[in-house]
């Protein structure tokens, strides 16, 4: 376009290409209308100084007295060479300076024109933004923005095409964490690992070499300190993230015995942490008690010389024991 150039920065956008829907790829196309001349200004005319209700379509664009305007038409549809589908394009936002009007003509065309006559000074520019643009069309293809510049000053229409490159969403592990409820856990608890990956051809969880979907969760049995590594592959590239899970260890804080004055009864009391159950010799398995604090009163048995308290987690894994004489 003589005297004016329309640039896209950047000239590419990301396509979802089958990535998880809950990670929206909302692209932004930044267009700058600029005057590259180091010496001459460009006059953008709007003698009517009003917002036009009806303007011709892209194919029927014509020089109208007193009105400079710019048509932008995008390729829409579901084929590889389209920018996005028609339904998604309805939700885009077009941002422009206050002294410009923007109207949508047909489903695929925007028309821009100034609200007044003004000069675009040498090397100066005007920025327009097409925002919230989503695409799920094939990667590594191109789409077009067709431009018509209705130049009233010169009495002609100039046409051009801007190529937009569609790229796959970058290879990335967006999420790889234990579920919030499982961050603190004990031996032999099950832990839910959650992940979400974009731009990958294959996702593998180690140990075990499990092939996973790009988004999901999986329950793992924690029998000790364990490291899990998620690796996402795309062609020859790969990215990895690791999680180290160390279960809480059940322990005994206090374990003591008291005897009544008559000596016929004894009371065993304890305070334990990070455990669900205790095991008391001569008695058996008991609930640890509220907040790990509990007690038990017994008839004295002359044959029993000591008691042993053991703490355990789910499925009977004993982690600590303590013995006291009676």
Protein backbone atom coordinates (compact mmCIF):
# COMPACT_ATOMS: atom_id res chain seq x y z
CA UNK A 1 0.00 0.00 0.00
CA UNK A 2 1.70 3.17 -1.21
CA UNK A 3 2.41 5.51 1.64
CA UNK A 4 1.08 3.09 4.28
CA UNK A 5 2.06 -0.37 5.46
CA UNK A 6 0.11 -2.79 7.64
CA UNK A 7 2.38 -5.02 9.73
CA UNK A 8 1.54 -7.99 11.97
CA UNK A 9 3.56 -8.49 15.12
CA UNK A 10 3.98 -11.37 15.65
CA UNK A 11 2.97 -13.01 12.37
CA UNK A 12 2.12 -16.36 13.97
CA UNK A 13 -0.33 -17.77 16.48
CA UNK A 14 -0.73 -21.01 18.39
CA UNK A 15 -3.25 -23.69 17.49
CA UNK A 16 -4.67 -26.03 20.12
CA UNK A 17 -4.24 -29.02 17.80
CA UNK A 18 -6.11 -31.35 20.13
CA UNK A 19 -4.73 -29.97 23.38
CA UNK A 20 -6.87 -30.03 26.55
CA UNK A 21 -9.86 -27.70 26.23
CA UNK A 22 -9.42 -26.37 29.74
CA UNK A 23 -6.22 -24.62 28.64
CA UNK A 24 -7.55 -21.93 26.31
CA UNK A 25 -5.12 -20.75 23.65
CA UNK A 26 -6.37 -17.19 23.24
CA UNK A 27 -4.19 -15.50 20.67
CA UNK A 28 -3.71 -11.83 19.98
CA UNK A 29 -2.84 -10.38 16.59
CA UNK A 30 -1.25 -6.94 16.77
CA UNK A 31 -1.47 -4.88 13.58
CA UNK A 32 0.29 -1.59 13.04
CA UNK A 33 -0.69 0.80 10.28
CA UNK A 34 2.39 2.91 9.75
CA UNK A 35 3.84 5.56 7.50
CA UNK A 36 7.39 4.44 6.61
CA UNK A 37 8.31 7.67 4.87
CA UNK A 38 11.01 9.71 6.62
CA UNK A 39 9.74 12.94 5.07
CA UNK A 40 6.09 12.92 3.94
CA UNK A 41 2.87 12.75 5.96
CA UNK A 42 -0.11 10.63 4.87
CA UNK A 43 -3.58 12.20 4.97
CA UNK A 44 -6.37 9.94 6.27
CA UNK A 45 -9.65 11.59 5.33
CA UNK A 46 -13.11 11.49 6.82
CA UNK A 47 -14.87 14.65 5.68
CA UNK A 48 -18.23 13.39 6.98
CA UNK A 49 -16.85 13.06 10.54
CA UNK A 50 -19.48 10.48 11.46
CA UNK A 51 -19.94 6.77 11.93
CA UNK A 52 -21.16 5.11 8.75
CA UNK A 53 -24.05 2.68 9.09
CA UNK A 54 -23.69 0.88 5.77
CA UNK A 55 -20.47 0.35 3.87
CA UNK A 56 -19.90 -1.87 0.82
CA UNK A 57 -18.67 -5.43 1.32
CA UNK A 58 -15.05 -6.38 0.71
CA UNK A 59 -15.70 -7.53 -2.85
CA UNK A 60 -17.69 -4.38 -3.64
CA UNK A 61 -15.35 -1.90 -1.98
CA UNK A 62 -15.22 1.40 -3.87
CA UNK A 63 -13.72 4.85 -3.46
CA UNK A 64 -16.26 6.94 -1.57
CA UNK A 65 -16.04 10.69 -1.46
CA UNK A 66 -14.39 11.97 1.69
CA UNK A 67 -13.82 8.59 3.40
CA UNK A 68 -10.56 6.72 3.80
CA UNK A 69 -11.05 3.14 5.05
CA UNK A 70 -9.22 -0.15 5.45
CA UNK A 71 -10.84 -3.56 4.90
CA UNK A 72 -9.48 -6.62 6.71
CA UNK A 73 -10.89 -9.98 5.61
CA UNK A 74 -9.83 -13.24 7.23
CA UNK A 75 -10.07 -16.77 5.88
CA UNK A 76 -12.58 -18.61 8.07
CA UNK A 77 -13.68 -22.23 8.00
CA UNK A 78 -12.51 -25.66 9.10
CA UNK A 79 -9.78 -26.38 6.55
CA UNK A 80 -6.04 -26.19 7.20
CA UNK A 81 -5.57 -22.87 5.38
CA UNK A 82 -8.22 -21.05 7.45
CA UNK A 83 -7.50 -18.80 10.40
CA UNK A 84 -10.23 -20.12 12.71
CA UNK A 85 -13.80 -21.38 12.51
CA UNK A 86 -16.70 -19.01 12.07
CA UNK A 87 -18.19 -19.66 15.52
CA UNK A 88 -14.93 -18.83 17.32
CA UNK A 89 -14.45 -15.69 15.25
CA UNK A 90 -17.72 -14.28 16.62
CA UNK A 91 -16.08 -13.99 20.04
CA UNK A 92 -13.01 -11.98 19.05
CA UNK A 93 -12.50 -8.41 20.23
CA UNK A 94 -11.09 -5.68 18.00
CA UNK A 95 -9.31 -2.88 19.84
CA UNK A 96 -8.53 0.41 18.07
CA UNK A 97 -7.67 4.02 18.98
CA UNK A 98 -10.48 6.33 20.10
CA UNK A 99 -10.32 8.38 16.90
CA UNK A 100 -11.10 5.34 14.74
CA UNK A 101 -14.32 3.50 14.00
CA UNK A 102 -14.48 -0.26 13.53
CA UNK A 103 -17.44 -2.12 12.05
CA UNK A 104 -17.81 -5.78 11.21
CA UNK A 105 -19.00 -6.40 7.67
CA UNK A 106 -20.24 -9.91 6.99
CA UNK A 107 -18.84 -12.60 9.26
CA UNK A 108 -15.21 -12.43 8.17
CA UNK A 109 -14.49 -8.74 7.53
CA UNK A 110 -13.63 -5.71 9.65
CA UNK A 111 -13.68 -2.18 8.26
CA UNK A 112 -11.58 0.52 9.91
CA UNK A 113 -11.88 4.24 9.23
CA UNK A 114 -10.89 7.43 11.07
CA UNK A 115 -13.45 9.54 12.89
CA UNK A 116 -11.82 12.69 11.55
CA UNK A 117 -9.31 13.78 8.94
CA UNK A 118 -5.77 13.70 10.29
CA UNK A 119 -2.19 13.21 9.18
CA UNK A 120 -0.06 10.20 9.90
CA UNK A 121 3.34 11.75 10.46
CA UNK A 122 6.60 10.30 9.05
CA UNK A 123 7.65 7.08 10.79
CA UNK A 124 4.53 7.15 13.01
CA UNK A 125 1.99 4.36 13.32
CA UNK A 126 -1.43 3.34 14.64
CA UNK A 127 -1.95 0.04 16.48
CA UNK A 128 -4.96 -2.26 16.19
CA UNK A 129 -5.42 -5.49 18.16
CA UNK A 130 -7.49 -8.56 17.31
CA UNK A 131 -7.88 -10.29 20.68
CA UNK A 132 -9.34 -13.55 22.07
CA UNK A 133 -8.67 -15.38 18.85
CA UNK A 134 -8.88 -19.16 19.25
CA UNK A 135 -7.96 -21.78 16.72
CA UNK A 136 -7.94 -25.57 16.78
CA UNK A 137 -6.97 -25.97 13.14
CA UNK A 138 -3.90 -27.94 12.00
CA UNK A 139 -0.47 -26.71 12.99
CA UNK A 140 2.35 -25.62 10.68
CA UNK A 141 -0.03 -24.17 8.12
CA UNK A 142 -0.76 -20.60 7.07
CA UNK A 143 -3.83 -18.40 6.91
CA UNK A 144 -4.34 -15.04 5.23
CA UNK A 145 -5.53 -11.57 6.11
CA UNK A 146 -6.67 -9.81 2.94
CA UNK A 147 -6.35 -6.03 2.99
CA UNK A 148 -7.96 -3.29 0.91
CA UNK A 149 -6.88 0.30 1.48
CA UNK A 150 -9.46 2.70 0.05
CA UNK A 151 -7.24 5.72 -0.63
CA UNK A 152 -9.48 8.73 -1.18
CA UNK A 153 -6.56 11.12 -1.55
CA UNK A 154 -5.21 9.20 -4.54
CA UNK A 155 -8.64 8.02 -5.70
CA UNK A 156 -7.80 4.30 -5.82
CA UNK A 157 -7.98 1.02 -3.93
CA UNK A 158 -4.81 -0.84 -3.05
CA UNK A 159 -4.87 -4.53 -2.15
CA UNK A 160 -2.52 -6.73 -0.18
CA UNK A 161 -2.29 -10.00 1.73
CA UNK A 162 -0.70 -10.68 5.09
CA UNK A 163 0.35 -14.26 5.91
CA UNK A 164 -0.36 -15.57 9.40
CA UNK A 165 1.56 -18.66 10.48
CA UNK A 166 -0.16 -21.19 12.71
CA UNK A 167 2.07 -23.02 15.12
CA UNK A 168 1.43 -25.79 17.56
CA UNK A 169 1.04 -24.87 21.20
CA UNK A 170 4.56 -24.98 22.76
CA UNK A 171 5.75 -28.23 24.31
CA UNK A 172 5.12 -27.68 27.99
CA UNK A 173 4.17 -29.48 31.19
CA UNK A 174 1.59 -27.04 32.55
CA UNK A 175 0.67 -29.06 35.64
CA UNK A 176 2.33 -31.98 37.45
CA UNK A 177 1.44 -32.07 41.15
CA UNK A 178 -0.10 -34.33 43.78
CA UNK A 179 -3.75 -33.53 44.38
CA UNK A 180 -4.17 -30.83 47.01
CA UNK A 181 -5.75 -33.28 49.46
CA UNK A 182 -2.77 -35.65 49.12
CA UNK A 183 0.12 -33.25 49.68
CA UNK A 184 0.65 -34.58 53.23
CA UNK A 185 0.22 -38.30 53.48
CA UNK A 186 1.43 -41.37 55.33
CA UNK A 187 2.91 -44.75 54.48
CA UNK A 188 0.76 -46.92 52.23
CA UNK A 189 -1.60 -44.08 51.46
CA UNK A 190 -2.70 -43.63 47.88
CA UNK A 191 -1.65 -40.37 46.25
CA UNK A 192 -3.36 -38.86 43.23
CA UNK A 193 -0.91 -37.35 40.74
CA UNK A 194 -2.42 -34.78 38.36
CA UNK A 195 -0.90 -33.54 35.12
CA UNK A 196 -1.67 -31.45 32.07
CA UNK A 197 0.65 -31.27 29.04
CA UNK A 198 0.49 -29.26 25.81
CA UNK A 199 2.24 -29.72 22.48
CA UNK A 200 3.26 -33.34 23.09
CA UNK A 201 3.10 -36.45 20.91
CA UNK A 202 3.71 -38.78 23.87
CA UNK A 203 3.60 -38.49 27.68
CA UNK A 204 5.40 -41.03 29.90
CA UNK A 205 5.36 -41.46 33.69
CA UNK A 206 8.31 -43.09 35.46
CA UNK A 207 8.87 -45.39 37.22
CA UNK A 208 6.99 -47.95 35.20
CA UNK A 209 7.10 -46.33 31.76
CA UNK A 210 3.36 -45.68 31.77
CA UNK A 211 2.04 -44.05 28.57
CA UNK A 212 -0.47 -41.37 29.57
CA UNK A 213 -3.00 -39.05 27.99
CA UNK A 214 -2.06 -35.36 27.81
CA UNK A 215 -4.31 -34.57 30.76
CA UNK A 216 -5.44 -36.72 33.65
CA UNK A 217 -4.74 -38.14 37.09
CA UNK A 218 -3.56 -41.47 38.48
CA UNK A 219 -3.63 -43.02 41.95
CA UNK A 220 -0.28 -44.27 43.26
CA UNK A 221 0.39 -46.35 46.40
CA UNK A 222 3.06 -44.69 48.53
CA UNK A 223 5.14 -47.30 50.36
CA UNK A 224 8.12 -45.07 51.07
CA UNK A 225 10.04 -42.11 49.71
CA UNK A 226 9.36 -42.06 45.97
CA UNK A 227 10.26 -39.93 42.97
CA UNK A 228 7.93 -39.66 39.98
CA UNK A 229 9.02 -38.15 36.67
CA UNK A 230 6.70 -37.01 33.90
CA UNK A 231 8.28 -36.62 30.45
CA UNK A 232 6.57 -35.07 27.43
CA UNK A 233 7.92 -35.78 23.94
CA UNK A 234 7.45 -33.96 20.63
CA UNK A 235 9.57 -35.26 17.74
CA UNK A 236 13.18 -35.06 19.01
CA UNK A 237 12.38 -32.64 21.84
CA UNK A 238 11.40 -33.49 25.40
CA UNK A 239 10.67 -31.78 28.70
CA UNK A 240 10.47 -33.37 32.16
CA UNK A 241 9.30 -32.58 35.66
CA UNK A 242 9.82 -34.62 38.82
CA UNK A 243 8.01 -34.89 42.14
CA UNK A 244 9.58 -36.29 45.31
CA UNK A 245 7.04 -37.61 47.81
CA UNK A 246 8.14 -38.51 51.31
CA UNK A 247 5.40 -39.90 53.54
CA UNK A 248 5.02 -38.72 57.11
CA UNK A 249 6.53 -41.14 59.62
CA UNK A 250 4.36 -42.24 62.52
CA UNK A 251 6.09 -41.70 65.88
CA UNK A 252 5.55 -41.85 69.63
CA UNK A 253 5.84 -38.58 71.50
CA UNK A 254 5.02 -39.91 75.00
CA UNK A 255 4.18 -43.31 76.52
CA UNK A 256 3.84 -43.65 80.29
CA UNK A 257 2.21 -45.68 83.03
CA UNK A 258 0.60 -44.56 86.29
CA UNK A 259 -0.58 -46.77 89.15
CA UNK A 260 -3.44 -46.26 91.57
CA UNK A 261 -2.67 -46.06 95.29
CA UNK A 262 -4.07 -49.54 95.89
CA UNK A 263 -1.87 -50.89 93.12
CA UNK A 264 -4.69 -52.97 91.69
CA UNK A 265 -5.01 -50.90 88.51
CA UNK A 266 -2.64 -49.20 86.11
CA UNK A 267 -3.32 -46.56 83.46
CA UNK A 268 -1.37 -46.48 80.23
CA UNK A 269 -1.41 -43.14 78.42
CA UNK A 270 0.19 -42.04 75.15
CA UNK A 271 0.55 -39.28 72.62
CA UNK A 272 1.39 -40.28 69.06
CA UNK A 273 1.65 -38.32 65.81
CA UNK A 274 1.09 -39.04 62.14
CA UNK A 275 -0.69 -42.30 62.77
CA UNK A 276 -4.15 -43.79 62.66
CA UNK A 277 -3.65 -46.85 64.86
CA UNK A 278 -1.52 -48.15 67.69
CA UNK A 279 -0.67 -51.69 68.71
CA UNK A 280 -0.42 -52.42 72.45
CA UNK A 281 1.17 -55.67 73.54
CA UNK A 282 -1.11 -58.04 75.48
CA UNK A 283 -4.11 -56.00 74.24
CA UNK A 284 -4.01 -55.70 70.47
CA UNK A 285 -4.77 -53.04 67.89
CA UNK A 286 -6.45 -49.81 69.07
CA UNK A 287 -7.50 -46.51 67.59
CA UNK A 288 -4.88 -43.84 68.27
CA UNK A 289 -7.48 -41.53 69.80
CA UNK A 290 -8.46 -37.93 69.24
CA UNK A 291 -5.45 -35.94 68.01
CA UNK A 292 -3.28 -38.97 68.78
CA UNK A 293 -3.91 -38.77 72.53
CA UNK A 294 -5.34 -41.75 74.39
CA UNK A 295 -5.29 -43.83 77.57
CA UNK A 296 -6.33 -47.25 78.81
CA UNK A 297 -6.93 -48.45 82.41
CA UNK A 298 -6.22 -52.13 83.16
CA UNK A 299 -6.30 -54.52 86.09
CA UNK A 300 -2.75 -55.25 87.18
CA UNK A 301 -1.52 -58.68 86.10
CA UNK A 302 1.50 -59.93 88.02
CA UNK A 303 2.55 -62.02 85.03
CA UNK A 304 2.96 -58.93 82.82
CA UNK A 305 6.22 -57.07 83.47
CA UNK A 306 6.07 -54.56 80.58
CA UNK A 307 3.96 -53.14 77.77
CA UNK A 308 5.13 -52.27 74.28
CA UNK A 309 3.43 -49.56 72.25
CA UNK A 310 3.85 -49.62 68.47
CA UNK A 311 2.48 -47.09 66.00
CA UNK A 312 1.31 -47.99 62.55
CA UNK A 313 -0.29 -46.54 59.50
CA UNK A 314 -2.79 -48.05 57.13
CA UNK A 315 -2.44 -51.78 56.44
CA UNK A 316 -0.38 -52.45 59.56
CA UNK A 317 3.02 -51.03 58.68
CA UNK A 318 4.79 -50.60 62.04
CA UNK A 319 7.16 -47.63 62.09
CA UNK A 320 8.06 -47.09 65.76
CA UNK A 321 7.85 -48.95 69.12
CA UNK A 322 8.46 -48.08 72.77
CA UNK A 323 8.48 -50.32 75.89
CA UNK A 324 7.79 -49.39 79.52
CA UNK A 325 7.98 -51.57 82.67
CA UNK A 326 4.97 -51.88 84.97
